[in-house]
Amino acid sequence: MKISLTFRNSEGESWQKEYVEDRLKKLNKYIDHPSEARVVLSVEKFRNVADINLMANGLNVTAKEEAKDMHLAIDEAVDKIERRLKKHRERIRGRKAAGAEERSAGETAAAEEPEEASEGRTLETRRVVLKPMSVEDALMELEAGRNQFIIFRDSSSEQVAVIYRAGNGKFVLLETKG
């Protein structure tokens, strides 16, 4: 990662440069390609401001934080960028997973010849990617699609849940614990 550090209204100290570099190194795990970070540290009376602009592969993430201590301002700005990078990575994973589900649905439709066991039982195995969503979102998706049930991760409780359509036309929610 290429880091350009600018100081305003103060002299740059070596500990600040090292601290910023150490804190920004932990962001490398969220970025696949080489990136550039522009950091501006400024002091205005009793306020310390850290302004970080991270550019990587077309993605531009900016955070500006103000605190009484420069360490704290840098930490908060880096944490804010880290949260945004995590969110961006999850969105990309969700898109890739959705594309993989569509491709695998076509493949499984062609290969869904049930295998007969020796006892006459049929076993079908499907892998499901649990999407984090609210109960209302899952209900809307179930009503819009032709699926009989939806397995999802409840965004409020982080637990696995299932919504299915009962025989009387009502919907039933199954929640897991543990």
C-alpha atoms as a PDB file:
ATOM      1  CA  MET A   1       0.000   0.000   0.000  1.00  0.00           C
ATOM      2  CA  LYS A   2       1.352   3.404  -0.950  1.00  0.00           C
ATOM      3  CA  ILE A   3       0.792   5.953   1.816  1.00  0.00           C
ATOM      4  CA  SER A   4       1.163   9.699   1.409  1.00  0.00           C
ATOM      5  CA  LEU A   5       1.074  11.576   4.693  1.00  0.00           C
ATOM      6  CA  THR A   6       0.469  15.325   4.993  1.00  0.00           C
ATOM      7  CA  PHE A   7       0.639  17.435   8.138  1.00  0.00           C
ATOM      8  CA  ARG A   8      -1.222  20.712   8.528  1.00  0.00           C
ATOM      9  CA  ASN A   9      -0.559  23.276  11.243  1.00  0.00           C
ATOM     10  CA  SER A  10       1.979  20.998  12.910  1.00  0.00           C
ATOM     11  CA  GLU A  11       5.334  19.336  12.426  1.00  0.00           C
ATOM     12  CA  GLY A  12       5.249  15.702  11.431  1.00  0.00           C
ATOM     13  CA  GLU A  13       6.636  13.440  14.095  1.00  0.00           C
ATOM     14  CA  SER A  14       8.094   9.996  13.401  1.00  0.00           C
ATOM     15  CA  TRP A  15       5.701   8.244  15.792  1.00  0.00           C
ATOM     16  CA  GLN A  16       2.728   9.604  13.849  1.00  0.00           C
ATOM     17  CA  LYS A  17       4.088   8.264  10.560  1.00  0.00           C
ATOM     18  CA  GLU A  18       4.788   4.842  12.059  1.00  0.00           C
ATOM     19  CA  TYR A  19       1.415   4.732  13.813  1.00  0.00           C
ATOM     20  CA  VAL A  20      -0.511   5.581  10.638  1.00  0.00           C
ATOM     21  CA  GLU A  21       1.431   2.971   8.638  1.00  0.00           C
ATOM     22  CA  ASP A  22       0.804   0.275  11.259  1.00  0.00           C
ATOM     23  CA  ARG A  23      -2.893   1.051  11.454  1.00  0.00           C
ATOM     24  CA  LEU A  24      -3.328   1.118   7.667  1.00  0.00           C
ATOM     25  CA  LYS A  25      -1.484  -2.191   7.219  1.00  0.00           C
ATOM     26  CA  LYS A  26      -4.380  -3.999   8.871  1.00  0.00           C
ATOM     27  CA  LEU A  27      -6.630  -2.846   6.002  1.00  0.00           C
ATOM     28  CA  ASN A  28      -4.610  -4.892   3.482  1.00  0.00           C
ATOM     29  CA  LYS A  29      -6.619  -8.011   4.332  1.00  0.00           C
ATOM     30  CA  TYR A  30      -9.743  -6.362   2.896  1.00  0.00           C
ATOM     31  CA  ILE A  31      -8.105  -5.150  -0.325  1.00  0.00           C
ATOM     32  CA  ASP A  32      -7.089  -7.554  -3.111  1.00  0.00           C
ATOM     33  CA  HIS A  33      -5.169  -5.131  -5.301  1.00  0.00           C
ATOM     34  CA  PRO A  34      -2.441  -2.551  -4.629  1.00  0.00           C
ATOM     35  CA  SER A  35      -3.897   0.610  -3.200  1.00  0.00           C
ATOM     36  CA  GLU A  36      -3.051   4.179  -2.322  1.00  0.00           C
ATOM     37  CA  ALA A  37      -3.866   5.994   0.908  1.00  0.00           C
ATOM     38  CA  ARG A  38      -3.752   9.747   1.376  1.00  0.00           C
ATOM     39  CA  VAL A  39      -3.689  10.788   5.015  1.00  0.00           C
ATOM     40  CA  VAL A  40      -3.966  14.383   6.237  1.00  0.00           C
ATOM     41  CA  LEU A  41      -3.307  15.023   9.920  1.00  0.00           C
ATOM     42  CA  SER A  42      -4.129  18.501  11.153  1.00  0.00           C
ATOM     43  CA  VAL A  43      -4.139  20.266  14.489  1.00  0.00           C
ATOM     44  CA  GLU A  44      -6.494  23.192  15.161  1.00  0.00           C
ATOM     45  CA  LYS A  45      -6.258  24.517  18.720  1.00  0.00           C
ATOM     46  CA  PHE A  46      -7.414  21.557  20.818  1.00  0.00           C
ATOM     47  CA  ARG A  47      -8.799  19.494  17.953  1.00  0.00           C
ATOM     48  CA  ASN A  48      -6.832  16.778  16.185  1.00  0.00           C
ATOM     49  CA  VAL A  49      -8.265  15.804  12.815  1.00  0.00           C
ATOM     50  CA  ALA A  50      -7.391  12.689  10.809  1.00  0.00           C
ATOM     51  CA  ASP A  51      -8.636  12.638   7.208  1.00  0.00           C
ATOM     52  CA  ILE A  52      -7.979   9.376   5.316  1.00  0.00           C
ATOM     53  CA  ASN A  53      -8.758   8.736   1.656  1.00  0.00           C
ATOM     54  CA  LEU A  54      -8.186   5.145   0.462  1.00  0.00           C
ATOM     55  CA  MET A  55      -8.246   4.303  -3.242  1.00  0.00           C
ATOM     56  CA  ALA A  56      -8.081   0.715  -4.482  1.00  0.00           C
ATOM     57  CA  ASN A  57      -9.231  -0.783  -7.784  1.00  0.00           C
ATOM     58  CA  GLY A  58     -11.891   1.845  -8.498  1.00  0.00           C
ATOM     59  CA  LEU A  59     -13.080   1.915  -4.893  1.00  0.00           C
ATOM     60  CA  ASN A  60     -12.704   5.224  -3.057  1.00  0.00           C
ATOM     61  CA  VAL A  61     -13.329   5.245   0.705  1.00  0.00           C
ATOM     62  CA  THR A  62     -12.998   8.413   2.782  1.00  0.00           C
ATOM     63  CA  ALA A  63     -13.147   8.959   6.538  1.00  0.00           C
ATOM     64  CA  LYS A  64     -12.625  12.110   8.582  1.00  0.00           C
ATOM     65  CA  GLU A  65     -12.529  11.975  12.357  1.00  0.00           C
ATOM     66  CA  GLU A  66     -11.886  14.592  15.013  1.00  0.00           C
ATOM     67  CA  ALA A  67     -10.746  13.953  18.587  1.00  0.00           C
ATOM     68  CA  LYS A  68      -8.774  15.471  21.464  1.00  0.00           C
ATOM     69  CA  ASP A  69      -5.907  13.020  20.894  1.00  0.00           C
ATOM     70  CA  MET A  70      -4.290  12.264  17.509  1.00  0.00           C
ATOM     71  CA  HIS A  71      -4.090   8.529  18.322  1.00  0.00           C
ATOM     72  CA  LEU A  72      -7.819   8.433  18.890  1.00  0.00           C
ATOM     73  CA  ALA A  73      -8.613  10.386  15.716  1.00  0.00           C
ATOM     74  CA  ILE A  74      -6.455   8.055  13.599  1.00  0.00           C
ATOM     75  CA  ASP A  75      -7.968   4.948  15.221  1.00  0.00           C
ATOM     76  CA  GLU A  76     -11.541   6.108  14.647  1.00  0.00           C
ATOM     77  CA  ALA A  77     -10.873   7.023  11.005  1.00  0.00           C
ATOM     78  CA  VAL A  78      -9.199   3.669  10.280  1.00  0.00           C
ATOM     79  CA  ASP A  79     -12.030   1.803  12.041  1.00  0.00           C
ATOM     80  CA  LYS A  80     -14.599   3.656   9.945  1.00  0.00           C
ATOM     81  CA  ILE A  81     -12.757   2.721   6.732  1.00  0.00           C
ATOM     82  CA  GLU A  82     -12.445  -0.881   7.908  1.00  0.00           C
ATOM     83  CA  ARG A  83     -16.223  -1.115   8.479  1.00  0.00           C
ATOM     84  CA  ARG A  84     -16.876   0.274   5.000  1.00  0.00           C
ATOM     85  CA  LEU A  85     -14.422  -2.160   3.393  1.00  0.00           C
ATOM     86  CA  LYS A  86     -16.040  -5.089   5.228  1.00  0.00           C
ATOM     87  CA  LYS A  87     -19.457  -3.989   4.042  1.00  0.00           C
ATOM     88  CA  HIS A  88     -18.195  -3.625   0.469  1.00  0.00           C
ATOM     89  CA  ARG A  89     -16.575  -7.072   0.565  1.00  0.00           C
ATOM     90  CA  GLU A  90     -19.795  -8.657   1.877  1.00  0.00           C
ATOM     91  CA  ARG A  91     -21.775  -7.032  -0.939  1.00  0.00           C
ATOM     92  CA  ILE A  92     -19.378  -8.444  -3.507  1.00  0.00           C
ATOM     93  CA  ARG A  93     -19.512 -11.890  -1.915  1.00  0.00           C
ATOM     94  CA  GLY A  94     -23.308 -11.718  -1.949  1.00  0.00           C
ATOM     95  CA  ARG A  95     -23.316 -10.931  -5.650  1.00  0.00           C
ATOM     96  CA  LYS A  96     -20.857 -13.734  -6.412  1.00  0.00           C
ATOM     97  CA  ALA A  97     -22.855 -16.181  -4.303  1.00  0.00           C
ATOM     98  CA  ALA A  98     -26.095 -15.177  -6.026  1.00  0.00           C
ATOM     99  CA  GLY A  99     -24.453 -15.713  -9.419  1.00  0.00           C
ATOM    100  CA  ALA A 100     -23.114 -19.101  -8.293  1.00  0.00           C
ATOM    101  CA  GLU A 101     -26.585 -20.114  -7.059  1.00  0.00           C
ATOM    102  CA  GLU A 102     -28.097 -19.271 -10.431  1.00  0.00           C
ATOM    103  CA  ARG A 103     -25.421 -21.280 -12.255  1.00  0.00           C
ATOM    104  CA  SER A 104     -25.667 -24.228  -9.866  1.00  0.00           C
ATOM    105  CA  ALA A 105     -29.482 -24.203 -10.067  1.00  0.00           C
ATOM    106  CA  GLY A 106     -29.216 -24.835 -13.798  1.00  0.00           C
ATOM    107  CA  GLU A 107     -26.664 -27.589 -13.235  1.00  0.00           C
ATOM    108  CA  THR A 108     -28.682 -29.284 -10.481  1.00  0.00           C
ATOM    109  CA  ALA A 109     -31.856 -29.153 -12.545  1.00  0.00           C
ATOM    110  CA  ALA A 110     -30.097 -31.225 -15.209  1.00  0.00           C
ATOM    111  CA  ALA A 111     -28.531 -33.585 -12.665  1.00  0.00           C
ATOM    112  CA  GLU A 112     -31.496 -34.081 -10.317  1.00  0.00           C
ATOM    113  CA  GLU A 113     -31.933 -37.750 -10.929  1.00  0.00           C
ATOM    114  CA  PRO A 114     -32.601 -39.045  -7.394  1.00  0.00           C
ATOM    115  CA  GLU A 115     -30.383 -41.884  -6.278  1.00  0.00           C
ATOM    116  CA  GLU A 116     -32.188 -44.881  -4.905  1.00  0.00           C
ATOM    117  CA  ALA A 117     -30.799 -46.253  -1.659  1.00  0.00           C
ATOM    118  CA  SER A 118     -30.994 -49.952  -0.852  1.00  0.00           C
ATOM    119  CA  GLU A 119     -33.978 -49.349   1.456  1.00  0.00           C
ATOM    120  CA  GLY A 120     -35.981 -47.445  -1.174  1.00  0.00           C
ATOM    121  CA  ARG A 121     -35.420 -43.959   0.310  1.00  0.00           C
ATOM    122  CA  THR A 122     -34.551 -40.976  -1.836  1.00  0.00           C
ATOM    123  CA  LEU A 123     -31.967 -38.485  -0.629  1.00  0.00           C
ATOM    124  CA  GLU A 124     -31.296 -35.157  -2.274  1.00  0.00           C
ATOM    125  CA  THR A 125     -28.565 -32.823  -1.053  1.00  0.00           C
ATOM    126  CA  ARG A 126     -28.535 -29.099  -1.720  1.00  0.00           C
ATOM    127  CA  ARG A 127     -26.135 -26.470  -0.439  1.00  0.00           C
ATOM    128  CA  VAL A 128     -27.660 -23.146   0.593  1.00  0.00           C
ATOM    129  CA  VAL A 129     -25.881 -19.818   1.069  1.00  0.00           C
ATOM    130  CA  LEU A 130     -27.450 -18.067   4.064  1.00  0.00           C
ATOM    131  CA  LYS A 131     -28.175 -14.454   3.194  1.00  0.00           C
ATOM    132  CA  PRO A 132     -28.459 -12.021   6.097  1.00  0.00           C
ATOM    133  CA  MET A 133     -31.885 -10.371   5.882  1.00  0.00           C
ATOM    134  CA  SER A 134     -34.746  -9.277   8.067  1.00  0.00           C
ATOM    135  CA  VAL A 135     -37.874 -11.393   8.509  1.00  0.00           C
ATOM    136  CA  GLU A 136     -39.862  -8.860   6.461  1.00  0.00           C
ATOM    137  CA  ASP A 137     -37.358  -9.064   3.569  1.00  0.00           C
ATOM    138  CA  ALA A 138     -37.483 -12.872   3.624  1.00  0.00           C
ATOM    139  CA  LEU A 139     -41.281 -12.797   3.624  1.00  0.00           C
ATOM    140  CA  MET A 140     -41.355 -10.434   0.640  1.00  0.00           C
ATOM    141  CA  GLU A 141     -38.881 -12.644  -1.237  1.00  0.00           C
ATOM    142  CA  LEU A 142     -40.982 -15.731  -0.493  1.00  0.00           C
ATOM    143  CA  GLU A 143     -44.171 -14.025  -1.705  1.00  0.00           C
ATOM    144  CA  ALA A 144     -42.463 -12.760  -4.863  1.00  0.00           C
ATOM    145  CA  GLY A 145     -40.848 -16.079  -5.813  1.00  0.00           C
ATOM    146  CA  ARG A 146     -42.212 -19.537  -6.409  1.00  0.00           C
ATOM    147  CA  ASN A 147     -40.226 -21.142  -3.602  1.00  0.00           C
ATOM    148  CA  GLN A 148     -42.093 -22.967  -0.864  1.00  0.00           C
ATOM    149  CA  PHE A 149     -39.598 -21.932   1.809  1.00  0.00           C
ATOM    150  CA  ILE A 150     -36.603 -19.669   2.433  1.00  0.00           C
ATOM    151  CA  ILE A 151     -33.643 -20.366   4.699  1.00  0.00           C
ATOM    152  CA  PHE A 152     -31.864 -17.193   5.815  1.00  0.00           C
ATOM    153  CA  ARG A 153     -29.797 -15.613   8.585  1.00  0.00           C
ATOM    154  CA  ASP A 154     -31.889 -13.169  10.617  1.00  0.00           C
ATOM    155  CA  SER A 155     -30.029  -9.834  10.523  1.00  0.00           C
ATOM    156  CA  SER A 156     -31.274  -8.785  13.968  1.00  0.00           C
ATOM    157  CA  SER A 157     -30.412 -11.957  15.911  1.00  0.00           C
ATOM    158  CA  GLU A 158     -27.779 -13.538  13.576  1.00  0.00           C
ATOM    159  CA  GLN A 159     -29.607 -16.882  13.960  1.00  0.00           C
ATOM    160  CA  VAL A 160     -30.619 -19.214  11.132  1.00  0.00           C
ATOM    161  CA  ALA A 161     -34.340 -19.084  10.361  1.00  0.00           C
ATOM    162  CA  VAL A 162     -36.795 -20.642   7.903  1.00  0.00           C
ATOM    163  CA  ILE A 163     -40.039 -19.210   6.570  1.00  0.00           C
ATOM    164  CA  TYR A 164     -42.420 -21.546   4.775  1.00  0.00           C
ATOM    165  CA  ARG A 165     -45.929 -21.473   3.382  1.00  0.00           C
ATOM    166  CA  ALA A 166     -48.337 -23.642   5.387  1.00  0.00           C
ATOM    167  CA  GLY A 167     -51.223 -25.563   3.840  1.00  0.00           C
ATOM    168  CA  ASN A 168     -53.788 -22.937   4.911  1.00  0.00           C
ATOM    169  CA  GLY A 169     -51.946 -20.177   2.983  1.00  0.00           C
ATOM    170  CA  LYS A 170     -50.378 -18.618   6.075  1.00  0.00           C
ATOM    171  CA  PHE A 171     -46.628 -18.295   6.598  1.00  0.00           C
ATOM    172  CA  VAL A 172     -44.724 -20.007   9.380  1.00  0.00           C
ATOM    173  CA  LEU A 173     -41.405 -18.780  10.829  1.00  0.00           C
ATOM    174  CA  LEU A 174     -38.986 -21.313  12.348  1.00  0.00           C
ATOM    175  CA  GLU A 175     -36.186 -19.810  14.450  1.00  0.00           C
ATOM    176  CA  THR A 176     -33.130 -21.644  15.738  1.00  0.00           C
ATOM    177  CA  LYS A 177     -31.410 -21.226  19.079  1.00  0.00           C
ATOM    178  CA  GLY A 178     -27.874 -22.100  20.009  1.00  0.00           C
END
